[in-house]
PDB file of N, CA and C in Angstrom:
ATOM      1  N   MET A   1     120.614  35.193  13.136  1.00  0.00           N
ATOM      2  CA  MET A   1     119.493  36.113  13.115  1.00  0.00           C
ATOM      3  C   MET A   1     118.324  35.610  13.958  1.00  0.00           C
ATOM      4  N   PRO A   2     117.940  34.320  13.872  1.00  0.00           N
ATOM      5  CA  PRO A   2     116.849  33.839  14.715  1.00  0.00           C
ATOM      6  C   PRO A   2     117.193  33.951  16.207  1.00  0.00           C
ATOM      7  N   TYR A   3     118.482  33.832  16.517  1.00  0.00           N
ATOM      8  CA  TYR A   3     118.902  33.946  17.908  1.00  0.00           C
ATOM      9  C   TYR A   3     118.620  35.353  18.450  1.00  0.00           C
ATOM     10  N   VAL A   4     118.883  36.374  17.641  1.00  0.00           N
ATOM     11  CA  VAL A   4     118.660  37.768  18.045  1.00  0.00           C
ATOM     12  C   VAL A   4     117.164  38.033  18.211  1.00  0.00           C
ATOM     13  N   ILE A   5     116.375  37.525  17.280  1.00  0.00           N
ATOM     14  CA  ILE A   5     114.918  37.702  17.371  1.00  0.00           C
ATOM     15  C   ILE A   5     114.389  36.998  18.623  1.00  0.00           C
ATOM     16  N   GLY A   6     114.927  35.817  18.915  1.00  0.00           N
ATOM     17  CA  GLY A   6     114.520  35.088  20.119  1.00  0.00           C
ATOM     18  C   GLY A   6     114.841  35.860  21.383  1.00  0.00           C
ATOM     19  N   ILE A   7     116.010  36.477  21.431  1.00  0.00           N
ATOM     20  CA  ILE A   7     116.396  37.267  22.606  1.00  0.00           C
ATOM     21  C   ILE A   7     115.475  38.480  22.753  1.00  0.00           C
ATOM     22  N   ILE A   8     115.196  39.144  21.655  1.00  0.00           N
ATOM     23  CA  ILE A   8     114.326  40.329  21.698  1.00  0.00           C
ATOM     24  C   ILE A   8     112.924  39.941  22.158  1.00  0.00           C
ATOM     25  N   LEU A   9     112.380  38.879  21.586  1.00  0.00           N
ATOM     26  CA  LEU A   9     111.036  38.440  21.976  1.00  0.00           C
ATOM     27  C   LEU A   9     110.975  37.993  23.425  1.00  0.00           C
ATOM     28  N   SER A  10     111.990  37.260  23.881  1.00  0.00           N
ATOM     29  CA  SER A  10     111.984  36.805  25.276  1.00  0.00           C
ATOM     30  C   SER A  10     112.088  37.984  26.237  1.00  0.00           C
ATOM     31  N   THR A  11     112.839  39.015  25.859  1.00  0.00           N
ATOM     32  CA  THR A  11     112.939  40.207  26.700  1.00  0.00           C
ATOM     33  C   THR A  11     111.602  40.932  26.775  1.00  0.00           C
ATOM     34  N   ILE A  12     110.953  41.084  25.632  1.00  0.00           N
ATOM     35  CA  ILE A  12     109.658  41.769  25.596  1.00  0.00           C
ATOM     36  C   ILE A  12     108.611  40.982  26.376  1.00  0.00           C
ATOM     37  N   ILE A  13     108.574  39.671  26.166  1.00  0.00           N
ATOM     38  CA  ILE A  13     107.576  38.836  26.836  1.00  0.00           C
ATOM     39  C   ILE A  13     107.826  38.791  28.336  1.00  0.00           C
ATOM     40  N   SER A  14     109.081  38.675  28.747  1.00  0.00           N
ATOM     41  CA  SER A  14     109.358  38.619  30.186  1.00  0.00           C
ATOM     42  C   SER A  14     109.016  39.949  30.853  1.00  0.00           C
ATOM     43  N   SER A  15     109.292  41.056  30.176  1.00  0.00           N
ATOM     44  CA  SER A  15     108.933  42.364  30.728  1.00  0.00           C
ATOM     45  C   SER A  15     107.419  42.493  30.828  1.00  0.00           C
ATOM     46  N   PHE A  16     106.722  42.053  29.800  1.00  0.00           N
ATOM     47  CA  PHE A  16     105.256  42.113  29.789  1.00  0.00           C
ATOM     48  C   PHE A  16     104.673  41.238  30.893  1.00  0.00           C
ATOM     49  N   LEU A  17     105.185  40.019  31.033  1.00  0.00           N
ATOM     50  CA  LEU A  17     104.689  39.126  32.082  1.00  0.00           C
ATOM     51  C   LEU A  17     105.011  39.665  33.469  1.00  0.00           C
ATOM     52  N   ALA A  18     106.174  40.260  33.618  1.00  0.00           N
ATOM     53  CA  ALA A  18     106.524  40.842  34.912  1.00  0.00           C
ATOM     54  C   ALA A  18     105.562  41.963  35.275  1.00  0.00           C
ATOM     55  N   ARG A  19     105.232  42.797  34.314  1.00  0.00           N
ATOM     56  CA  ARG A  19     104.276  43.877  34.584  1.00  0.00           C
ATOM     57  C   ARG A  19     102.904  43.331  34.940  1.00  0.00           C
ATOM     58  N   ILE A  20     102.491  42.282  34.261  1.00  0.00           N
ATOM     59  CA  ILE A  20     101.185  41.681  34.558  1.00  0.00           C
ATOM     60  C   ILE A  20     101.172  41.120  35.977  1.00  0.00           C
ATOM     61  N   PHE A  21     102.214  40.364  36.340  1.00  0.00           N
ATOM     62  CA  PHE A  21     102.242  39.757  37.669  1.00  0.00           C
ATOM     63  C   PHE A  21     102.387  40.797  38.770  1.00  0.00           C
ATOM     64  N   ILE A  22     103.178  41.820  38.539  1.00  0.00           N
ATOM     65  CA  ILE A  22     103.313  42.885  39.530  1.00  0.00           C
ATOM     66  C   ILE A  22     101.998  43.634  39.672  1.00  0.00           C
ATOM     67  N   GLY A  23     101.353  43.935  38.549  1.00  0.00           N
ATOM     68  CA  GLY A  23     100.060  44.620  38.601  1.00  0.00           C
ATOM     69  C   GLY A  23      99.001  43.794  39.294  1.00  0.00           C
ATOM     70  N   ALA A  24      98.960  42.507  39.009  1.00  0.00           N
ATOM     71  CA  ALA A  24      97.971  41.639  39.652  1.00  0.00           C
ATOM     72  C   ALA A  24      98.248  41.529  41.144  1.00  0.00           C
ATOM     73  N   GLY A  25      99.510  41.409  41.503  1.00  0.00           N
ATOM     74  CA  GLY A  25      99.860  41.318  42.921  1.00  0.00           C
ATOM     75  C   GLY A  25      99.511  42.584  43.671  1.00  0.00           C
ATOM     76  N   LEU A  26      99.815  43.713  43.075  1.00  0.00           N
ATOM     77  CA  LEU A  26      99.505  44.977  43.733  1.00  0.00           C
ATOM     78  C   LEU A  26      98.000  45.189  43.815  1.00  0.00           C
ATOM     79  N   ALA A  27      97.284  44.783  42.797  1.00  0.00           N
ATOM     80  CA  ALA A  27      95.828  44.905  42.825  1.00  0.00           C
ATOM     81  C   ALA A  27      95.242  44.042  43.942  1.00  0.00           C
ATOM     82  N   LEU A  28      95.783  42.852  44.118  1.00  0.00           N
ATOM     83  CA  LEU A  28      95.295  41.979  45.182  1.00  0.00           C
ATOM     84  C   LEU A  28      95.618  42.535  46.562  1.00  0.00           C
ATOM     85  N   LEU A  29      96.717  43.284  46.670  1.00  0.00           N
ATOM     86  CA  LEU A  29      97.071  43.887  47.947  1.00  0.00           C
ATOM     87  C   LEU A  29      96.288  45.168  48.224  1.00  0.00           C
ATOM     88  N   THR A  30      96.014  45.949  47.193  1.00  0.00           N
ATOM     89  CA  THR A  30      95.377  47.241  47.424  1.00  0.00           C
ATOM     90  C   THR A  30      93.854  47.155  47.450  1.00  0.00           C
ATOM     91  N   TYR A  31      93.266  46.148  46.842  1.00  0.00           N
ATOM     92  CA  TYR A  31      91.803  46.058  46.830  1.00  0.00           C
ATOM     93  C   TYR A  31      91.214  46.021  48.235  1.00  0.00           C
ATOM     94  N   PRO A  32      91.727  45.176  49.132  1.00  0.00           N
ATOM     95  CA  PRO A  32      91.144  45.186  50.491  1.00  0.00           C
ATOM     96  C   PRO A  32      91.324  46.536  51.194  1.00  0.00           C
ATOM     97  N   PHE A  33      92.448  47.193  50.970  1.00  0.00           N
ATOM     98  CA  PHE A  33      92.683  48.492  51.604  1.00  0.00           C
ATOM     99  C   PHE A  33      91.694  49.538  51.107  1.00  0.00           C
ATOM    100  N   VAL A  34      91.527  49.627  49.789  1.00  0.00           N
ATOM    101  CA  VAL A  34      90.603  50.614  49.221  1.00  0.00           C
ATOM    102  C   VAL A  34      89.174  50.277  49.606  1.00  0.00           C
ATOM    103  N   SER A  35      88.845  49.018  49.597  1.00  0.00           N
ATOM    104  CA  SER A  35      87.501  48.590  49.967  1.00  0.00           C
ATOM    105  C   SER A  35      87.210  48.938  51.430  1.00  0.00           C
ATOM    106  N   GLU A  36      88.166  48.682  52.304  1.00  0.00           N
ATOM    107  CA  GLU A  36      87.990  49.004  53.720  1.00  0.00           C
ATOM    108  C   GLU A  36      87.884  50.509  53.940  1.00  0.00           C
ATOM    109  N   LEU A  37      88.670  51.273  53.201  1.00  0.00           N
ATOM    110  CA  LEU A  37      88.624  52.730  53.312  1.00  0.00           C
ATOM    111  C   LEU A  37      87.261  53.274  52.888  1.00  0.00           C
ATOM    112  N   LEU A  38      86.748  52.782  51.776  1.00  0.00           N
ATOM    113  CA  LEU A  38      85.441  53.237  51.311  1.00  0.00           C
ATOM    114  C   LEU A  38      84.315  52.748  52.219  1.00  0.00           C
ATOM    115  N   ASP A  39      84.451  51.558  52.769  1.00  0.00           N
ATOM    116  CA  ASP A  39      83.439  51.072  53.701  1.00  0.00           C
ATOM    117  C   ASP A  39      83.381  51.931  54.956  1.00  0.00           C
ATOM    118  N   SER A  40      84.546  52.339  55.458  1.00  0.00           N
ATOM    119  CA  SER A  40      84.543  53.213  56.637  1.00  0.00           C
ATOM    120  C   SER A  40      83.960  54.583  56.296  1.00  0.00           C
ATOM    121  N   LEU A  41      84.211  55.057  55.079  1.00  0.00           N
ATOM    122  CA  LEU A  41      83.623  56.322  54.650  1.00  0.00           C
ATOM    123  C   LEU A  41      82.102  56.218  54.570  1.00  0.00           C
ATOM    124  N   ILE A  42      81.607  55.118  54.039  1.00  0.00           N
ATOM    125  CA  ILE A  42      80.162  54.896  53.944  1.00  0.00           C
ATOM    126  C   ILE A  42      79.544  54.793  55.336  1.00  0.00           C
ATOM    127  N   ASP A  43      80.205  54.088  56.255  1.00  0.00           N
ATOM    128  CA  ASP A  43      79.677  53.957  57.607  1.00  0.00           C
ATOM    129  C   ASP A  43      79.592  55.303  58.319  1.00  0.00           C
ATOM    130  N   SER A  44      80.638  56.121  58.168  1.00  0.00           N
ATOM    131  CA  SER A  44      80.596  57.433  58.832  1.00  0.00           C
ATOM    132  C   SER A  44      79.539  58.337  58.194  1.00  0.00           C
ATOM    133  N   ALA A  45      79.359  58.233  56.885  1.00  0.00           N
ATOM    134  CA  ALA A  45      78.310  59.023  56.223  1.00  0.00           C
ATOM    135  C   ALA A  45      76.932  58.594  56.695  1.00  0.00           C
ATOM    136  N   GLN A  46      76.712  57.285  56.838  1.00  0.00           N
ATOM    137  CA  GLN A  46      75.420  56.806  57.322  1.00  0.00           C
ATOM    138  C   GLN A  46      75.157  57.264  58.745  1.00  0.00           C
ATOM    139  N   THR A  47      76.184  57.244  59.581  1.00  0.00           N
ATOM    140  CA  THR A  47      76.026  57.702  60.957  1.00  0.00           C
ATOM    141  C   THR A  47      75.653  59.176  60.997  1.00  0.00           C
ATOM    142  N   ASN A  48      76.332  59.977  60.186  1.00  0.00           N
ATOM    143  CA  ASN A  48      76.047  61.410  60.183  1.00  0.00           C
ATOM    144  C   ASN A  48      74.689  61.726  59.556  1.00  0.00           C
ATOM    145  N   ILE A  49      74.313  60.980  58.529  1.00  0.00           N
ATOM    146  CA  ILE A  49      73.025  61.227  57.874  1.00  0.00           C
ATOM    147  C   ILE A  49      71.871  60.841  58.791  1.00  0.00           C
ATOM    148  N   ASN A  50      72.036  59.785  59.572  1.00  0.00           N
ATOM    149  CA  ASN A  50      70.954  59.350  60.465  1.00  0.00           C
ATOM    150  C   ASN A  50      70.690  60.342  61.597  1.00  0.00           C
ATOM    151  N   GLN A  51      71.606  61.266  61.811  1.00  0.00           N
ATOM    152  CA  GLN A  51      71.407  62.268  62.857  1.00  0.00           C
ATOM    153  C   GLN A  51      70.639  63.487  62.349  1.00  0.00           C
ATOM    154  N   LEU A  52      70.297  63.506  61.078  1.00  0.00           N
ATOM    155  CA  LEU A  52      69.550  64.627  60.515  1.00  0.00           C
ATOM    156  C   LEU A  52      68.079  64.560  60.933  1.00  0.00           C
ATOM    157  N   PRO A  53      67.400  65.687  60.878  1.00  0.00           N
ATOM    158  CA  PRO A  53      65.951  65.670  61.195  1.00  0.00           C
ATOM    159  C   PRO A  53      65.164  64.866  60.157  1.00  0.00           C
ATOM    160  N   ALA A  54      63.960  64.478  60.540  1.00  0.00           N
ATOM    161  CA  ALA A  54      63.120  63.637  59.677  1.00  0.00           C
ATOM    162  C   ALA A  54      62.790  64.338  58.360  1.00  0.00           C
ATOM    163  N   PHE A  55      62.582  65.641  58.397  1.00  0.00           N
ATOM    164  CA  PHE A  55      62.271  66.372  57.173  1.00  0.00           C
ATOM    165  C   PHE A  55      63.431  66.308  56.181  1.00  0.00           C
ATOM    166  N   ALA A  56      64.646  66.492  56.682  1.00  0.00           N
ATOM    167  CA  ALA A  56      65.818  66.438  55.801  1.00  0.00           C
ATOM    168  C   ALA A  56      65.998  65.035  55.232  1.00  0.00           C
ATOM    169  N   LEU A  57      65.768  64.025  56.059  1.00  0.00           N
ATOM    170  CA  LEU A  57      65.888  62.646  55.569  1.00  0.00           C
ATOM    171  C   LEU A  57      64.850  62.344  54.498  1.00  0.00           C
ATOM    172  N   SER A  58      63.633  62.834  54.679  1.00  0.00           N
ATOM    173  CA  SER A  58      62.596  62.585  53.669  1.00  0.00           C
ATOM    174  C   SER A  58      62.920  63.308  52.360  1.00  0.00           C
ATOM    175  N   MET A  59      63.490  64.496  52.446  1.00  0.00           N
ATOM    176  CA  MET A  59      63.890  65.214  51.230  1.00  0.00           C
ATOM    177  C   MET A  59      65.036  64.495  50.521  1.00  0.00           C
ATOM    178  N   MET A  60      65.974  63.974  51.295  1.00  0.00           N
ATOM    179  CA  MET A  60      67.088  63.230  50.696  1.00  0.00           C
ATOM    180  C   MET A  60      66.579  61.976  49.995  1.00  0.00           C
ATOM    181  N   LYS A  61      65.620  61.308  50.610  1.00  0.00           N
ATOM    182  CA  LYS A  61      65.053  60.106  49.990  1.00  0.00           C
ATOM    183  C   LYS A  61      64.257  60.479  48.737  1.00  0.00           C
ATOM    184  N   LEU A  62      63.556  61.601  48.785  1.00  0.00           N
ATOM    185  CA  LEU A  62      62.795  62.067  47.634  1.00  0.00           C
ATOM    186  C   LEU A  62      63.720  62.413  46.468  1.00  0.00           C
ATOM    187  N   LEU A  63      64.868  63.006  46.777  1.00  0.00           N
ATOM    188  CA  LEU A  63      65.837  63.376  45.737  1.00  0.00           C
ATOM    189  C   LEU A  63      66.753  62.218  45.341  1.00  0.00           C
ATOM    190  N   GLU A  64      66.612  61.080  46.011  1.00  0.00           N
ATOM    191  CA  GLU A  64      67.402  59.872  45.768  1.00  0.00           C
ATOM    192  C   GLU A  64      68.901  60.146  45.887  1.00  0.00           C
ATOM    193  N   LEU A  65      69.267  60.849  46.946  1.00  0.00           N
ATOM    194  CA  LEU A  65      70.675  61.151  47.182  1.00  0.00           C
ATOM    195  C   LEU A  65      71.484  59.910  47.550  1.00  0.00           C
ATOM    196  N   ASP A  66      70.820  58.876  48.061  1.00  0.00           N
ATOM    197  CA  ASP A  66      71.534  57.649  48.379  1.00  0.00           C
ATOM    198  C   ASP A  66      72.111  57.009  47.121  1.00  0.00           C
ATOM    199  N   LYS A  67      71.367  57.059  46.034  1.00  0.00           N
ATOM    200  CA  LYS A  67      71.874  56.527  44.763  1.00  0.00           C
ATOM    201  C   LYS A  67      73.001  57.395  44.220  1.00  0.00           C
ATOM    202  N   CYS A  68      72.887  58.698  44.397  1.00  0.00           N
ATOM    203  CA  CYS A  68      73.939  59.610  43.931  1.00  0.00           C
ATOM    204  C   CYS A  68      75.246  59.350  44.661  1.00  0.00           C
ATOM    205  N   VAL A  69      75.172  59.182  45.964  1.00  0.00           N
ATOM    206  CA  VAL A  69      76.377  58.924  46.754  1.00  0.00           C
ATOM    207  C   VAL A  69      76.989  57.585  46.364  1.00  0.00           C
ATOM    208  N   SER A  70      76.146  56.599  46.117  1.00  0.00           N
ATOM    209  CA  SER A  70      76.638  55.290  45.700  1.00  0.00           C
ATOM    210  C   SER A  70      77.363  55.371  44.358  1.00  0.00           C
ATOM    211  N   ILE A  71      76.816  56.118  43.426  1.00  0.00           N
ATOM    212  CA  ILE A  71      77.450  56.278  42.114  1.00  0.00           C
ATOM    213  C   ILE A  71      78.780  57.010  42.242  1.00  0.00           C
ATOM    214  N   ILE A  72      78.808  58.048  43.064  1.00  0.00           N
ATOM    215  CA  ILE A  72      80.047  58.816  43.233  1.00  0.00           C
ATOM    216  C   ILE A  72      81.132  57.964  43.884  1.00  0.00           C
ATOM    217  N   LEU A  73      80.792  57.204  44.914  1.00  0.00           N
ATOM    218  CA  LEU A  73      81.792  56.365  45.570  1.00  0.00           C
ATOM    219  C   LEU A  73      82.274  55.243  44.649  1.00  0.00           C
ATOM    220  N   SER A  74      81.408  54.716  43.822  1.00  0.00           N
ATOM    221  CA  SER A  74      81.835  53.704  42.850  1.00  0.00           C
ATOM    222  C   SER A  74      82.795  54.305  41.833  1.00  0.00           C
ATOM    223  N   ALA A  75      82.511  55.523  41.403  1.00  0.00           N
ATOM    224  CA  ALA A  75      83.405  56.193  40.457  1.00  0.00           C
ATOM    225  C   ALA A  75      84.761  56.483  41.086  1.00  0.00           C
ATOM    226  N   VAL A  76      84.772  56.849  42.351  1.00  0.00           N
ATOM    227  CA  VAL A  76      86.039  57.086  43.052  1.00  0.00           C
ATOM    228  C   VAL A  76      86.843  55.801  43.140  1.00  0.00           C
ATOM    229  N   GLN A  77      86.174  54.701  43.442  1.00  0.00           N
ATOM    230  CA  GLN A  77      86.865  53.422  43.539  1.00  0.00           C
ATOM    231  C   GLN A  77      87.457  53.015  42.192  1.00  0.00           C
ATOM    232  N   VAL A  78      86.707  53.171  41.127  1.00  0.00           N
ATOM    233  CA  VAL A  78      87.215  52.833  39.794  1.00  0.00           C
ATOM    234  C   VAL A  78      88.381  53.743  39.429  1.00  0.00           C
ATOM    235  N   LEU A  79      88.288  55.017  39.755  1.00  0.00           N
ATOM    236  CA  LEU A  79      89.366  55.957  39.467  1.00  0.00           C
ATOM    237  C   LEU A  79      90.650  55.569  40.191  1.00  0.00           C
ATOM    238  N   ILE A  80      90.531  55.147  41.435  1.00  0.00           N
ATOM    239  CA  ILE A  80      91.707  54.717  42.185  1.00  0.00           C
ATOM    240  C   ILE A  80      92.366  53.524  41.508  1.00  0.00           C
ATOM    241  N   TYR A  81      91.573  52.553  41.078  1.00  0.00           N
ATOM    242  CA  TYR A  81      92.137  51.367  40.442  1.00  0.00           C
ATOM    243  C   TYR A  81      92.755  51.686  39.083  1.00  0.00           C
ATOM    244  N   VAL A  82      92.144  52.580  38.324  1.00  0.00           N
ATOM    245  CA  VAL A  82      92.703  52.949  37.018  1.00  0.00           C
ATOM    246  C   VAL A  82      94.033  53.678  37.194  1.00  0.00           C
ATOM    247  N   LYS A  83      94.078  54.614  38.142  1.00  0.00           N
ATOM    248  CA  LYS A  83      95.334  55.332  38.405  1.00  0.00           C
ATOM    249  C   LYS A  83      96.416  54.376  38.869  1.00  0.00           C
ATOM    250  N   LEU A  84      96.051  53.438  39.721  1.00  0.00           N
ATOM    251  CA  LEU A  84      97.007  52.467  40.211  1.00  0.00           C
ATOM    252  C   LEU A  84      97.520  51.586  39.078  1.00  0.00           C
ATOM    253  N   ALA A  85      96.627  51.175  38.205  1.00  0.00           N
ATOM    254  CA  ALA A  85      97.050  50.339  37.066  1.00  0.00           C
ATOM    255  C   ALA A  85      97.987  51.109  36.149  1.00  0.00           C
ATOM    256  N   LYS A  86      97.738  52.390  35.948  1.00  0.00           N
ATOM    257  CA  LYS A  86      98.627  53.189  35.096  1.00  0.00           C
ATOM    258  C   LYS A  86     100.002  53.338  35.729  1.00  0.00           C
ATOM    259  N   VAL A  87     100.058  53.443  37.036  1.00  0.00           N
ATOM    260  CA  VAL A  87     101.344  53.553  37.709  1.00  0.00           C
ATOM    261  C   VAL A  87     102.121  52.246  37.591  1.00  0.00           C
ATOM    262  N   ILE A  88     101.427  51.136  37.766  1.00  0.00           N
ATOM    263  CA  ILE A  88     102.090  49.840  37.706  1.00  0.00           C
ATOM    264  C   ILE A  88     102.568  49.521  36.299  1.00  0.00           C
ATOM    265  N   VAL A  89     101.725  49.744  35.332  1.00  0.00           N
ATOM    266  CA  VAL A  89     102.068  49.409  33.945  1.00  0.00           C
ATOM    267  C   VAL A  89     103.095  50.400  33.398  1.00  0.00           C
ATOM    268  N   GLY A  90     103.106  51.603  33.932  1.00  0.00           N
ATOM    269  CA  GLY A  90     104.082  52.590  33.498  1.00  0.00           C
ATOM    270  C   GLY A  90     103.584  53.494  32.393  1.00  0.00           C
ATOM    271  N   VAL A  91     102.279  53.626  32.273  1.00  0.00           N
ATOM    272  CA  VAL A  91     101.704  54.490  31.258  1.00  0.00           C
ATOM    273  C   VAL A  91     101.680  55.908  31.811  1.00  0.00           C
ATOM    274  N   SER A  92     102.264  56.836  31.090  1.00  0.00           N
ATOM    275  CA  SER A  92     102.237  58.229  31.543  1.00  0.00           C
ATOM    276  C   SER A  92     101.197  58.991  30.751  1.00  0.00           C
ATOM    277  N   THR A  93     100.493  59.879  31.441  1.00  0.00           N
ATOM    278  CA  THR A  93      99.461  60.674  30.770  1.00  0.00           C
ATOM    279  C   THR A  93      99.880  62.105  30.705  1.00  0.00           C
TER     280      THR A  93
END
């Protein structure tokens, strides 16, 4: 009986550890890609925003749209990582 319990526990633990290592490895591979993608998006947005007239820029600063865009892009980045973690771990929603 202890032999069977040992086999079951080792199977569960090895599967759990495999998922952790695969998830960590994939996270380490995808973080630079997602970060680079969002950085290029931010750079293109800054380039396009700087071409606006001074009045529009002052209104955007008054409405603090720079903070809004930062919050939205951070939420997108977190969403990408959460979805990726669910795919790796195998959690279905």
